[in-house]
């Protein structure tokens, strides 16, 4: 079984903002060698979530873990992404899909806030 991680953010009209998600994906690739890691944007940029799923399946994933790269459980994380993944599961019946929770609250996020604020 080949696993893929599809990291999904909101998307932006700013290329720099969209490139940041690719940078996050590259960090995950380095830390989890061999894992297929892809990105997608909900709005305003490509690849779309549908295109991201297609890339995962095209490259041989039989399990796709979809991670909303969002801080809070808003509309995209709780409704839009799960609904789109349900449609993908119908389209690709031989593939298992799972949607994770958003980033949410985690001690490591608090550590990053402290570091970025110059309080470390």
PDB file of N, CA and C in Angstrom:
ATOM      1  N   UNK A   1       0.845  -1.181   0.000  1.00  0.00           N
ATOM      2  CA  UNK A   1       0.000   0.000   0.000  1.00  0.00           C
ATOM      3  C   UNK A   1       0.887   1.241   0.000  1.00  0.00           C
ATOM      4  N   UNK A   2       0.709   2.098  -0.976  1.00  0.00           N
ATOM      5  CA  UNK A   2       1.500   3.310  -1.097  1.00  0.00           C
ATOM      6  C   UNK A   2       0.700   4.494  -0.562  1.00  0.00           C
ATOM      7  N   UNK A   3       1.261   5.180   0.434  1.00  0.00           N
ATOM      8  CA  UNK A   3       0.580   6.312   1.059  1.00  0.00           C
ATOM      9  C   UNK A   3       1.012   7.621   0.429  1.00  0.00           C
ATOM     10  N   UNK A   4       0.051   8.539   0.358  1.00  0.00           N
ATOM     11  CA  UNK A   4       0.340   9.904  -0.071  1.00  0.00           C
ATOM     12  C   UNK A   4      -0.276  10.857   0.936  1.00  0.00           C
ATOM     13  N   UNK A   5       0.399  11.958   1.159  1.00  0.00           N
ATOM     14  CA  UNK A   5      -0.109  13.034   1.997  1.00  0.00           C
ATOM     15  C   UNK A   5      -0.402  14.214   1.084  1.00  0.00           C
ATOM     16  N   UNK A   6      -1.639  14.687   1.114  1.00  0.00           N
ATOM     17  CA  UNK A   6      -2.045  15.852   0.336  1.00  0.00           C
ATOM     18  C   UNK A   6      -2.322  16.983   1.322  1.00  0.00           C
ATOM     19  N   UNK A   7      -1.474  18.001   1.290  1.00  0.00           N
ATOM     20  CA  UNK A   7      -1.586  19.133   2.211  1.00  0.00           C
ATOM     21  C   UNK A   7      -2.358  20.235   1.494  1.00  0.00           C
ATOM     22  N   UNK A   8      -3.461  20.674   2.104  1.00  0.00           N
ATOM     23  CA  UNK A   8      -4.375  21.607   1.452  1.00  0.00           C
ATOM     24  C   UNK A   8      -4.481  22.897   2.254  1.00  0.00           C
ATOM     25  N   UNK A   9      -4.212  24.023   1.588  1.00  0.00           N
ATOM     26  CA  UNK A   9      -4.419  25.312   2.248  1.00  0.00           C
ATOM     27  C   UNK A   9      -5.531  26.081   1.541  1.00  0.00           C
ATOM     28  N   UNK A  10      -5.768  27.306   1.986  1.00  0.00           N
ATOM     29  CA  UNK A  10      -6.835  28.110   1.404  1.00  0.00           C
ATOM     30  C   UNK A  10      -6.510  28.516  -0.022  1.00  0.00           C
ATOM     31  N   UNK A  11      -5.277  28.917  -0.266  1.00  0.00           N
ATOM     32  CA  UNK A  11      -4.884  29.432  -1.570  1.00  0.00           C
ATOM     33  C   UNK A  11      -4.891  30.948  -1.549  1.00  0.00           C
ATOM     34  N   UNK A  12      -4.124  31.532  -2.448  1.00  0.00           N
ATOM     35  CA  UNK A  12      -3.965  32.981  -2.467  1.00  0.00           C
ATOM     36  C   UNK A  12      -3.735  33.462  -3.893  1.00  0.00           C
ATOM     37  N   UNK A  13      -3.976  34.735  -4.111  1.00  0.00           N
ATOM     38  CA  UNK A  13      -3.619  35.339  -5.392  1.00  0.00           C
ATOM     39  C   UNK A  13      -2.135  35.696  -5.423  1.00  0.00           C
ATOM     40  N   UNK A  14      -1.465  35.607  -4.273  1.00  0.00           N
ATOM     41  CA  UNK A  14      -0.038  35.922  -4.177  1.00  0.00           C
ATOM     42  C   UNK A  14       0.794  34.655  -4.357  1.00  0.00           C
ATOM     43  N   UNK A  15       1.634  34.642  -5.377  1.00  0.00           N
ATOM     44  CA  UNK A  15       2.480  33.470  -5.630  1.00  0.00           C
ATOM     45  C   UNK A  15       3.350  33.134  -4.427  1.00  0.00           C
ATOM     46  N   UNK A  16       3.875  34.149  -3.773  1.00  0.00           N
ATOM     47  CA  UNK A  16       4.739  33.927  -2.608  1.00  0.00           C
ATOM     48  C   UNK A  16       4.004  33.148  -1.517  1.00  0.00           C
ATOM     49  N   UNK A  17       2.759  33.488  -1.285  1.00  0.00           N
ATOM     50  CA  UNK A  17       1.969  32.780  -0.272  1.00  0.00           C
ATOM     51  C   UNK A  17       1.747  31.331  -0.678  1.00  0.00           C
ATOM     52  N   UNK A  18       1.463  31.087  -1.938  1.00  0.00           N
ATOM     53  CA  UNK A  18       1.243  29.720  -2.405  1.00  0.00           C
ATOM     54  C   UNK A  18       2.524  28.900  -2.378  1.00  0.00           C
ATOM     55  N   UNK A  19       3.654  29.536  -2.644  1.00  0.00           N
ATOM     56  CA  UNK A  19       4.943  28.815  -2.593  1.00  0.00           C
ATOM     57  C   UNK A  19       5.267  28.337  -1.182  1.00  0.00           C
ATOM     58  N   UNK A  20       4.761  29.026  -0.192  1.00  0.00           N
ATOM     59  CA  UNK A  20       5.031  28.609   1.191  1.00  0.00           C
ATOM     60  C   UNK A  20       4.513  27.200   1.452  1.00  0.00           C
ATOM     61  N   UNK A  21       3.382  26.841   0.859  1.00  0.00           N
ATOM     62  CA  UNK A  21       2.851  25.499   1.060  1.00  0.00           C
ATOM     63  C   UNK A  21       3.781  24.465   0.430  1.00  0.00           C
ATOM     64  N   UNK A  22       4.348  24.782  -0.711  1.00  0.00           N
ATOM     65  CA  UNK A  22       5.319  23.871  -1.321  1.00  0.00           C
ATOM     66  C   UNK A  22       6.543  23.723  -0.424  1.00  0.00           C
ATOM     67  N   UNK A  23       6.951  24.799   0.238  1.00  0.00           N
ATOM     68  CA  UNK A  23       8.072  24.723   1.180  1.00  0.00           C
ATOM     69  C   UNK A  23       7.737  23.799   2.348  1.00  0.00           C
ATOM     70  N   UNK A  24       6.515  23.881   2.845  1.00  0.00           N
ATOM     71  CA  UNK A  24       6.081  22.981   3.925  1.00  0.00           C
ATOM     72  C   UNK A  24       6.112  21.537   3.428  1.00  0.00           C
ATOM     73  N   UNK A  25       5.612  21.315   2.222  1.00  0.00           N
ATOM     74  CA  UNK A  25       5.619  19.962   1.660  1.00  0.00           C
ATOM     75  C   UNK A  25       7.041  19.432   1.534  1.00  0.00           C
ATOM     76  N   UNK A  26       7.971  20.282   1.160  1.00  0.00           N
ATOM     77  CA  UNK A  26       9.367  19.857   1.032  1.00  0.00           C
ATOM     78  C   UNK A  26       9.948  19.467   2.389  1.00  0.00           C
ATOM     79  N   UNK A  27       9.604  20.193   3.427  1.00  0.00           N
ATOM     80  CA  UNK A  27      10.051  19.834   4.780  1.00  0.00           C
ATOM     81  C   UNK A  27       9.526  18.451   5.147  1.00  0.00           C
ATOM     82  N   UNK A  28       8.251  18.203   4.861  1.00  0.00           N
ATOM     83  CA  UNK A  28       7.656  16.895   5.170  1.00  0.00           C
ATOM     84  C   UNK A  28       8.342  15.805   4.355  1.00  0.00           C
ATOM     85  N   UNK A  29       8.613  16.066   3.092  1.00  0.00           N
ATOM     86  CA  UNK A  29       9.309  15.068   2.256  1.00  0.00           C
ATOM     87  C   UNK A  29      10.666  14.708   2.850  1.00  0.00           C
ATOM     88  N   UNK A  30      11.397  15.723   3.296  1.00  0.00           N
ATOM     89  CA  UNK A  30      12.723  15.460   3.883  1.00  0.00           C
ATOM     90  C   UNK A  30      12.607  14.642   5.165  1.00  0.00           C
ATOM     91  N   UNK A  31      11.608  14.941   5.962  1.00  0.00           N
ATOM     92  CA  UNK A  31      11.461  14.259   7.249  1.00  0.00           C
ATOM     93  C   UNK A  31      10.852  12.862   7.110  1.00  0.00           C
ATOM     94  N   UNK A  32      10.081  12.644   6.048  1.00  0.00           N
ATOM     95  CA  UNK A  32       9.409  11.358   5.839  1.00  0.00           C
ATOM     96  C   UNK A  32       9.779  10.799   4.473  1.00  0.00           C
ATOM     97  N   UNK A  33      11.054  10.507   4.288  1.00  0.00           N
ATOM     98  CA  UNK A  33      11.533   9.989   3.010  1.00  0.00           C
ATOM     99  C   UNK A  33      10.680   8.836   2.512  1.00  0.00           C
ATOM    100  N   UNK A  34      10.378   8.846   1.246  1.00  0.00           N
ATOM    101  CA  UNK A  34       9.579   7.788   0.647  1.00  0.00           C
ATOM    102  C   UNK A  34       8.088   8.069   0.633  1.00  0.00           C
ATOM    103  N   UNK A  35       7.638   9.007   1.444  1.00  0.00           N
ATOM    104  CA  UNK A  35       6.222   9.361   1.458  1.00  0.00           C
ATOM    105  C   UNK A  35       5.932  10.275   0.272  1.00  0.00           C
ATOM    106  N   UNK A  36       4.884   9.961  -0.461  1.00  0.00           N
ATOM    107  CA  UNK A  36       4.437  10.846  -1.534  1.00  0.00           C
ATOM    108  C   UNK A  36       3.769  12.049  -0.883  1.00  0.00           C
ATOM    109  N   UNK A  37       4.233  13.255  -1.177  1.00  0.00           N
ATOM    110  CA  UNK A  37       3.690  14.468  -0.558  1.00  0.00           C
ATOM    111  C   UNK A  37       3.315  15.447  -1.660  1.00  0.00           C
ATOM    112  N   UNK A  38       2.075  15.897  -1.613  1.00  0.00           N
ATOM    113  CA  UNK A  38       1.550  16.812  -2.622  1.00  0.00           C
ATOM    114  C   UNK A  38       0.865  17.982  -1.935  1.00  0.00           C
ATOM    115  N   UNK A  39       0.621  19.041  -2.713  1.00  0.00           N
ATOM    116  CA  UNK A  39      -0.095  20.198  -2.185  1.00  0.00           C
ATOM    117  C   UNK A  39      -1.317  20.480  -3.045  1.00  0.00           C
ATOM    118  N   UNK A  40      -2.250  21.226  -2.443  1.00  0.00           N
ATOM    119  CA  UNK A  40      -3.426  21.699  -3.173  1.00  0.00           C
ATOM    120  C   UNK A  40      -3.949  22.944  -2.477  1.00  0.00           C
ATOM    121  N   UNK A  41      -4.673  23.732  -3.243  1.00  0.00           N
ATOM    122  CA  UNK A  41      -5.270  24.960  -2.719  1.00  0.00           C
ATOM    123  C   UNK A  41      -6.784  24.889  -2.912  1.00  0.00           C
ATOM    124  N   UNK A  42      -7.518  25.371  -1.930  1.00  0.00           N
ATOM    125  CA  UNK A  42      -8.974  25.369  -2.019  1.00  0.00           C
ATOM    126  C   UNK A  42      -9.486  26.396  -3.019  1.00  0.00           C
ATOM    127  N   UNK A  43      -8.849  27.540  -3.086  1.00  0.00           N
ATOM    128  CA  UNK A  43      -9.322  28.628  -3.935  1.00  0.00           C
ATOM    129  C   UNK A  43      -8.130  29.401  -4.502  1.00  0.00           C
ATOM    130  N   UNK A  44      -8.380  30.120  -5.560  1.00  0.00           N
ATOM    131  CA  UNK A  44      -7.495  31.171  -6.067  1.00  0.00           C
ATOM    132  C   UNK A  44      -6.188  30.702  -6.686  1.00  0.00           C
ATOM    133  N   UNK A  45      -5.844  29.434  -6.596  1.00  0.00           N
ATOM    134  CA  UNK A  45      -4.555  28.963  -7.107  1.00  0.00           C
ATOM    135  C   UNK A  45      -4.646  27.484  -7.461  1.00  0.00           C
ATOM    136  N   UNK A  46      -3.656  27.044  -8.205  1.00  0.00           N
ATOM    137  CA  UNK A  46      -3.561  25.638  -8.575  1.00  0.00           C
ATOM    138  C   UNK A  46      -2.282  25.067  -7.998  1.00  0.00           C
ATOM    139  N   UNK A  47      -2.233  23.791  -7.767  1.00  0.00           N
ATOM    140  CA  UNK A  47      -3.236  22.789  -8.082  1.00  0.00           C
ATOM    141  C   UNK A  47      -4.437  22.859  -7.133  1.00  0.00           C
ATOM    142  N   UNK A  48      -5.587  22.506  -7.667  1.00  0.00           N
ATOM    143  CA  UNK A  48      -6.800  22.417  -6.865  1.00  0.00           C
ATOM    144  C   UNK A  48      -6.766  21.114  -6.070  1.00  0.00           C
ATOM    145  N   UNK A  49      -7.699  20.955  -5.166  1.00  0.00           N
ATOM    146  CA  UNK A  49      -7.768  19.705  -4.409  1.00  0.00           C
ATOM    147  C   UNK A  49      -7.983  18.530  -5.361  1.00  0.00           C
ATOM    148  N   UNK A  50      -8.863  18.699  -6.335  1.00  0.00           N
ATOM    149  CA  UNK A  50      -9.108  17.625  -7.303  1.00  0.00           C
ATOM    150  C   UNK A  50      -7.827  17.268  -8.054  1.00  0.00           C
ATOM    151  N   UNK A  51      -7.075  18.283  -8.463  1.00  0.00           N
ATOM    152  CA  UNK A  51      -5.818  18.026  -9.175  1.00  0.00           C
ATOM    153  C   UNK A  51      -4.795  17.362  -8.261  1.00  0.00           C
ATOM    154  N   UNK A  52      -4.785  17.739  -6.998  1.00  0.00           N
ATOM    155  CA  UNK A  52      -3.888  17.107  -6.041  1.00  0.00           C
ATOM    156  C   UNK A  52      -4.206  15.635  -5.851  1.00  0.00           C
ATOM    157  N   UNK A  53      -5.496  15.322  -5.729  1.00  0.00           N
ATOM    158  CA  UNK A  53      -5.913  13.921  -5.602  1.00  0.00           C
ATOM    159  C   UNK A  53      -5.501  13.148  -6.850  1.00  0.00           C
ATOM    160  N   UNK A  54      -5.750  13.725  -8.015  1.00  0.00           N
ATOM    161  CA  UNK A  54      -5.370  13.054  -9.266  1.00  0.00           C
ATOM    162  C   UNK A  54      -3.873  12.762  -9.310  1.00  0.00           C
ATOM    163  N   UNK A  55      -3.055  13.692  -8.844  1.00  0.00           N
ATOM    164  CA  UNK A  55      -1.601  13.478  -8.827  1.00  0.00           C
ATOM    165  C   UNK A  55      -1.233  12.329  -7.897  1.00  0.00           C
ATOM    166  N   UNK A  56      -1.864  12.280  -6.730  1.00  0.00           N
ATOM    167  CA  UNK A  56      -1.597  11.190  -5.782  1.00  0.00           C
ATOM    168  C   UNK A  56      -1.898   9.837  -6.418  1.00  0.00           C
ATOM    169  N   UNK A  57      -3.082   9.731  -7.015  1.00  0.00           N
ATOM    170  CA  UNK A  57      -3.513   8.466  -7.612  1.00  0.00           C
ATOM    171  C   UNK A  57      -2.647   8.131  -8.823  1.00  0.00           C
ATOM    172  N   UNK A  58      -2.366   9.121  -9.651  1.00  0.00           N
ATOM    173  CA  UNK A  58      -1.530   8.906 -10.846  1.00  0.00           C
ATOM    174  C   UNK A  58      -0.160   8.341 -10.468  1.00  0.00           C
ATOM    175  N   UNK A  59       0.366   8.795  -9.327  1.00  0.00           N
ATOM    176  CA  UNK A  59       1.692   8.353  -8.909  1.00  0.00           C
ATOM    177  C   UNK A  59       1.658   7.087  -8.057  1.00  0.00           C
ATOM    178  N   UNK A  60       0.494   6.442  -7.982  1.00  0.00           N
ATOM    179  CA  UNK A  60       0.413   5.122  -7.380  1.00  0.00           C
ATOM    180  C   UNK A  60      -0.096   5.036  -5.960  1.00  0.00           C
ATOM    181  N   UNK A  61      -0.591   6.120  -5.402  1.00  0.00           N
ATOM    182  CA  UNK A  61      -1.089   6.061  -4.023  1.00  0.00           C
ATOM    183  C   UNK A  61      -2.350   5.210  -3.948  1.00  0.00           C
ATOM    184  N   UNK A  62      -2.375   4.330  -2.971  1.00  0.00           N
ATOM    185  CA  UNK A  62      -3.581   3.556  -2.685  1.00  0.00           C
ATOM    186  C   UNK A  62      -4.238   4.039  -1.401  1.00  0.00           C
ATOM    187  N   UNK A  63      -3.549   4.911  -0.683  1.00  0.00           N
ATOM    188  CA  UNK A  63      -4.106   5.574   0.497  1.00  0.00           C
ATOM    189  C   UNK A  63      -3.698   7.044   0.428  1.00  0.00           C
ATOM    190  N   UNK A  64      -4.682   7.935   0.521  1.00  0.00           N
ATOM    191  CA  UNK A  64      -4.418   9.368   0.469  1.00  0.00           C
ATOM    192  C   UNK A  64      -4.893   9.994   1.777  1.00  0.00           C
ATOM    193  N   UNK A  65      -3.961  10.603   2.481  1.00  0.00           N
ATOM    194  CA  UNK A  65      -4.267  11.320   3.719  1.00  0.00           C
ATOM    195  C   UNK A  65      -4.324  12.797   3.356  1.00  0.00           C
ATOM    196  N   UNK A  66      -5.475  13.410   3.576  1.00  0.00           N
ATOM    197  CA  UNK A  66      -5.677  14.814   3.215  1.00  0.00           C
ATOM    198  C   UNK A  66      -5.610  15.644   4.487  1.00  0.00           C
ATOM    199  N   UNK A  67      -4.645  16.563   4.519  1.00  0.00           N
ATOM    200  CA  UNK A  67      -4.452  17.392   5.717  1.00  0.00           C
ATOM    201  C   UNK A  67      -4.783  18.854   5.427  1.00  0.00           C
ATOM    202  N   UNK A  68      -5.838  19.386   6.080  1.00  0.00           N
ATOM    203  CA  UNK A  68      -6.128  20.813   5.950  1.00  0.00           C
ATOM    204  C   UNK A  68      -5.067  21.627   6.696  1.00  0.00           C
ATOM    205  N   UNK A  69      -4.232  22.320   5.938  1.00  0.00           N
ATOM    206  CA  UNK A  69      -3.171  23.143   6.523  1.00  0.00           C
ATOM    207  C   UNK A  69      -3.786  24.486   6.901  1.00  0.00           C
ATOM    208  N   UNK A  70      -4.581  24.430   7.969  1.00  0.00           N
ATOM    209  CA  UNK A  70      -5.332  25.584   8.448  1.00  0.00           C
ATOM    210  C   UNK A  70      -5.312  25.542   9.966  1.00  0.00           C
ATOM    211  N   UNK A  71      -5.342  26.706  10.586  1.00  0.00           N
ATOM    212  CA  UNK A  71      -5.262  26.736  12.045  1.00  0.00           C
ATOM    213  C   UNK A  71      -6.546  26.290  12.723  1.00  0.00           C
ATOM    214  N   UNK A  72      -7.679  26.696  12.198  1.00  0.00           N
ATOM    215  CA  UNK A  72      -8.928  26.430  12.904  1.00  0.00           C
ATOM    216  C   UNK A  72      -9.866  25.563  12.073  1.00  0.00           C
ATOM    217  N   UNK A  73     -10.829  24.947  12.745  1.00  0.00           N
ATOM    218  CA  UNK A  73     -11.785  24.091  12.041  1.00  0.00           C
ATOM    219  C   UNK A  73     -12.903  24.914  11.400  1.00  0.00           C
ATOM    220  N   UNK A  74     -12.546  25.726  10.410  1.00  0.00           N
ATOM    221  CA  UNK A  74     -13.532  26.535   9.696  1.00  0.00           C
ATOM    222  C   UNK A  74     -14.238  25.740   8.617  1.00  0.00           C
ATOM    223  N   UNK A  75     -14.946  26.451   7.764  1.00  0.00           N
ATOM    224  CA  UNK A  75     -15.787  25.834   6.728  1.00  0.00           C
ATOM    225  C   UNK A  75     -14.994  24.921   5.801  1.00  0.00           C
ATOM    226  N   UNK A  76     -13.830  25.365   5.333  1.00  0.00           N
ATOM    227  CA  UNK A  76     -13.054  24.513   4.427  1.00  0.00           C
ATOM    228  C   UNK A  76     -12.659  23.206   5.113  1.00  0.00           C
ATOM    229  N   UNK A  77     -12.150  23.305   6.337  1.00  0.00           N
ATOM    230  CA  UNK A  77     -11.641  22.115   7.036  1.00  0.00           C
ATOM    231  C   UNK A  77     -12.750  21.160   7.454  1.00  0.00           C
ATOM    232  N   UNK A  78     -13.903  21.694   7.836  1.00  0.00           N
ATOM    233  CA  UNK A  78     -14.955  20.823   8.380  1.00  0.00           C
ATOM    234  C   UNK A  78     -16.014  20.418   7.367  1.00  0.00           C
ATOM    235  N   UNK A  79     -16.154  21.179   6.295  1.00  0.00           N
ATOM    236  CA  UNK A  79     -17.215  20.865   5.337  1.00  0.00           C
ATOM    237  C   UNK A  79     -16.685  20.652   3.913  1.00  0.00           C
ATOM    238  N   UNK A  80     -16.038  21.672   3.370  1.00  0.00           N
ATOM    239  CA  UNK A  80     -15.655  21.632   1.954  1.00  0.00           C
ATOM    240  C   UNK A  80     -14.675  20.507   1.633  1.00  0.00           C
ATOM    241  N   UNK A  81     -13.610  20.413   2.400  1.00  0.00           N
ATOM    242  CA  UNK A  81     -12.596  19.384   2.119  1.00  0.00           C
ATOM    243  C   UNK A  81     -13.171  17.980   2.293  1.00  0.00           C
ATOM    244  N   UNK A  82     -13.856  17.666   3.419  1.00  0.00           N
ATOM    245  CA  UNK A  82     -14.444  16.326   3.523  1.00  0.00           C
ATOM    246  C   UNK A  82     -15.420  16.001   2.387  1.00  0.00           C
ATOM    247  N   UNK A  83     -16.217  16.980   1.960  1.00  0.00           N
ATOM    248  CA  UNK A  83     -17.163  16.730   0.864  1.00  0.00           C
ATOM    249  C   UNK A  83     -16.424  16.440  -0.438  1.00  0.00           C
ATOM    250  N   UNK A  84     -15.375  17.176  -0.701  1.00  0.00           N
ATOM    251  CA  UNK A  84     -14.603  16.953  -1.925  1.00  0.00           C
ATOM    252  C   UNK A  84     -13.891  15.603  -1.889  1.00  0.00           C
ATOM    253  N   UNK A  85     -13.421  15.218  -0.718  1.00  0.00           N
ATOM    254  CA  UNK A  85     -12.748  13.925  -0.580  1.00  0.00           C
ATOM    255  C   UNK A  85     -13.753  12.786  -0.748  1.00  0.00           C
ATOM    256  N   UNK A  86     -14.972  12.970  -0.259  1.00  0.00           N
ATOM    257  CA  UNK A  86     -16.011  11.950  -0.486  1.00  0.00           C
ATOM    258  C   UNK A  86     -16.248  11.748  -1.978  1.00  0.00           C
ATOM    259  N   UNK A  87     -16.292  12.831  -2.733  1.00  0.00           N
ATOM    260  CA  UNK A  87     -16.470  12.715  -4.188  1.00  0.00           C
ATOM    261  C   UNK A  87     -15.266  12.012  -4.829  1.00  0.00           C
ATOM    262  N   UNK A  88     -14.075  12.296  -4.330  1.00  0.00           N
ATOM    263  CA  UNK A  88     -12.875  11.639  -4.857  1.00  0.00           C
ATOM    264  C   UNK A  88     -12.921  10.139  -4.585  1.00  0.00           C
ATOM    265  N   UNK A  89     -13.435   9.757  -3.421  1.00  0.00           N
ATOM    266  CA  UNK A  89     -13.518   8.334  -3.071  1.00  0.00           C
ATOM    267  C   UNK A  89     -14.453   7.591  -4.024  1.00  0.00           C
ATOM    268  N   UNK A  90     -15.501   8.259  -4.474  1.00  0.00           N
ATOM    269  CA  UNK A  90     -16.402   7.649  -5.454  1.00  0.00           C
ATOM    270  C   UNK A  90     -15.694   7.526  -6.804  1.00  0.00           C
ATOM    271  N   UNK A  91     -14.950   8.544  -7.153  1.00  0.00           N
ATOM    272  CA  UNK A  91     -14.237   8.557  -8.437  1.00  0.00           C
ATOM    273  C   UNK A  91     -13.107   7.533  -8.477  1.00  0.00           C
ATOM    274  N   UNK A  92     -12.463   7.311  -7.328  1.00  0.00           N
ATOM    275  CA  UNK A  92     -11.328   6.384  -7.239  1.00  0.00           C
ATOM    276  C   UNK A  92     -11.633   5.317  -6.184  1.00  0.00           C
ATOM    277  N   UNK A  93     -12.495   4.345  -6.516  1.00  0.00           N
ATOM    278  CA  UNK A  93     -12.941   3.371  -5.510  1.00  0.00           C
ATOM    279  C   UNK A  93     -11.840   2.458  -4.972  1.00  0.00           C
ATOM    280  N   UNK A  94     -10.738   2.327  -5.662  1.00  0.00           N
ATOM    281  CA  UNK A  94      -9.647   1.480  -5.190  1.00  0.00           C
ATOM    282  C   UNK A  94      -8.688   2.180  -4.249  1.00  0.00           C
ATOM    283  N   UNK A  95      -8.994   3.430  -3.918  1.00  0.00           N
ATOM    284  CA  UNK A  95      -8.112   4.232  -3.076  1.00  0.00           C
ATOM    285  C   UNK A  95      -8.829   4.550  -1.768  1.00  0.00           C
ATOM    286  N   UNK A  96      -8.100   4.428  -0.664  1.00  0.00           N
ATOM    287  CA  UNK A  96      -8.626   4.792   0.650  1.00  0.00           C
ATOM    288  C   UNK A  96      -8.270   6.248   0.922  1.00  0.00           C
ATOM    289  N   UNK A  97      -9.246   7.004   1.406  1.00  0.00           N
ATOM    290  CA  UNK A  97      -9.029   8.418   1.721  1.00  0.00           C
ATOM    291  C   UNK A  97      -9.305   8.665   3.194  1.00  0.00           C
ATOM    292  N   UNK A  98      -8.531   9.569   3.778  1.00  0.00           N
ATOM    293  CA  UNK A  98      -8.748   9.986   5.165  1.00  0.00           C
ATOM    294  C   UNK A  98      -8.438  11.468   5.263  1.00  0.00           C
ATOM    295  N   UNK A  99      -9.333  12.208   5.932  1.00  0.00           N
ATOM    296  CA  UNK A  99      -9.123  13.638   6.161  1.00  0.00           C
ATOM    297  C   UNK A  99      -8.735  13.823   7.620  1.00  0.00           C
ATOM    298  N   UNK A 100      -7.642  14.528   7.862  1.00  0.00           N
ATOM    299  CA  UNK A 100      -7.215  14.805   9.235  1.00  0.00           C
ATOM    300  C   UNK A 100      -7.893  16.082   9.725  1.00  0.00           C
ATOM    301  N   UNK A 101      -7.728  16.368  10.995  1.00  0.00           N
ATOM    302  CA  UNK A 101      -8.155  17.658  11.510  1.00  0.00           C
ATOM    303  C   UNK A 101      -7.172  18.729  11.065  1.00  0.00           C
ATOM    304  N   UNK A 102      -7.555  20.007  11.206  1.00  0.00           N
ATOM    305  CA  UNK A 102      -6.626  21.086  10.870  1.00  0.00           C
ATOM    306  C   UNK A 102      -5.497  21.144  11.897  1.00  0.00           C
ATOM    307  N   UNK A 103      -4.565  22.052  11.707  1.00  0.00           N
ATOM    308  CA  UNK A 103      -3.447  22.181  12.649  1.00  0.00           C
ATOM    309  C   UNK A 103      -3.945  22.361  14.073  1.00  0.00           C
ATOM    310  N   UNK A 104      -4.892  23.255  14.262  1.00  0.00           N
ATOM    311  CA  UNK A 104      -5.500  23.423  15.580  1.00  0.00           C
ATOM    312  C   UNK A 104      -4.518  23.873  16.640  1.00  0.00           C
ATOM    313  N   UNK A 105      -4.769  23.410  17.859  1.00  0.00           N
ATOM    314  CA  UNK A 105      -3.963  23.806  19.009  1.00  0.00           C
ATOM    315  C   UNK A 105      -2.939  22.701  19.285  1.00  0.00           C
ATOM    316  N   UNK A 106      -1.694  23.101  19.396  1.00  0.00           N
ATOM    317  CA  UNK A 106      -0.631  22.136  19.672  1.00  0.00           C
ATOM    318  C   UNK A 106       0.514  22.888  20.338  1.00  0.00           C
ATOM    319  N   UNK A 107       1.173  22.233  21.275  1.00  0.00           N
ATOM    320  CA  UNK A 107       2.300  22.869  21.967  1.00  0.00           C
ATOM    321  C   UNK A 107       3.351  23.399  20.995  1.00  0.00           C
ATOM    322  N   UNK A 108       3.608  22.666  19.920  1.00  0.00           N
ATOM    323  CA  UNK A 108       4.640  23.102  18.972  1.00  0.00           C
ATOM    324  C   UNK A 108       4.242  24.396  18.263  1.00  0.00           C
ATOM    325  N   UNK A 109       2.960  24.606  18.038  1.00  0.00           N
ATOM    326  CA  UNK A 109       2.524  25.873  17.440  1.00  0.00           C
ATOM    327  C   UNK A 109       2.783  27.004  18.422  1.00  0.00           C
ATOM    328  N   UNK A 110       2.522  26.761  19.699  1.00  0.00           N
ATOM    329  CA  UNK A 110       2.838  27.761  20.716  1.00  0.00           C
ATOM    330  C   UNK A 110       4.317  28.090  20.737  1.00  0.00           C
ATOM    331  N   UNK A 111       5.152  27.067  20.578  1.00  0.00           N
ATOM    332  CA  UNK A 111       6.601  27.288  20.541  1.00  0.00           C
ATOM    333  C   UNK A 111       6.995  28.164  19.356  1.00  0.00           C
ATOM    334  N   UNK A 112       6.374  27.936  18.208  1.00  0.00           N
ATOM    335  CA  UNK A 112       6.680  28.744  17.026  1.00  0.00           C
ATOM    336  C   UNK A 112       6.245  30.192  17.249  1.00  0.00           C
ATOM    337  N   UNK A 113       5.080  30.402  17.857  1.00  0.00           N
ATOM    338  CA  UNK A 113       4.619  31.765  18.142  1.00  0.00           C
ATOM    339  C   UNK A 113       5.620  32.478  19.052  1.00  0.00           C
ATOM    340  N   UNK A 114       6.079  31.793  20.085  1.00  0.00           N
ATOM    341  CA  UNK A 114       7.063  32.382  21.007  1.00  0.00           C
ATOM    342  C   UNK A 114       8.350  32.725  20.262  1.00  0.00           C
ATOM    343  N   UNK A 115       8.808  31.804  19.418  1.00  0.00           N
ATOM    344  CA  UNK A 115      10.034  32.040  18.648  1.00  0.00           C
ATOM    345  C   UNK A 115       9.874  33.224  17.701  1.00  0.00           C
ATOM    346  N   UNK A 116       8.789  33.258  16.942  1.00  0.00           N
ATOM    347  CA  UNK A 116       8.580  34.330  15.968  1.00  0.00           C
ATOM    348  C   UNK A 116       8.399  35.687  16.642  1.00  0.00           C
ATOM    349  N   UNK A 117       7.875  35.677  17.866  1.00  0.00           N
ATOM    350  CA  UNK A 117       7.694  36.929  18.606  1.00  0.00           C
ATOM    351  C   UNK A 117       8.996  37.395  19.255  1.00  0.00           C
ATOM    352  N   UNK A 118      10.054  36.584  19.121  1.00  0.00           N
ATOM    353  CA  UNK A 118      11.340  36.942  19.703  1.00  0.00           C
ATOM    354  C   UNK A 118      11.374  36.766  21.203  1.00  0.00           C
ATOM    355  N   UNK A 119      10.561  35.847  21.712  1.00  0.00           N
ATOM    356  CA  UNK A 119      10.476  35.636  23.156  1.00  0.00           C
ATOM    357  C   UNK A 119      11.133  34.343  23.606  1.00  0.00           C
ATOM    358  N   UNK A 120      11.798  33.659  22.694  1.00  0.00           N
ATOM    359  CA  UNK A 120      12.416  32.368  23.039  1.00  0.00           C
ATOM    360  C   UNK A 120      13.676  32.568  23.861  1.00  0.00           C
TER     361      UNK A 120
END
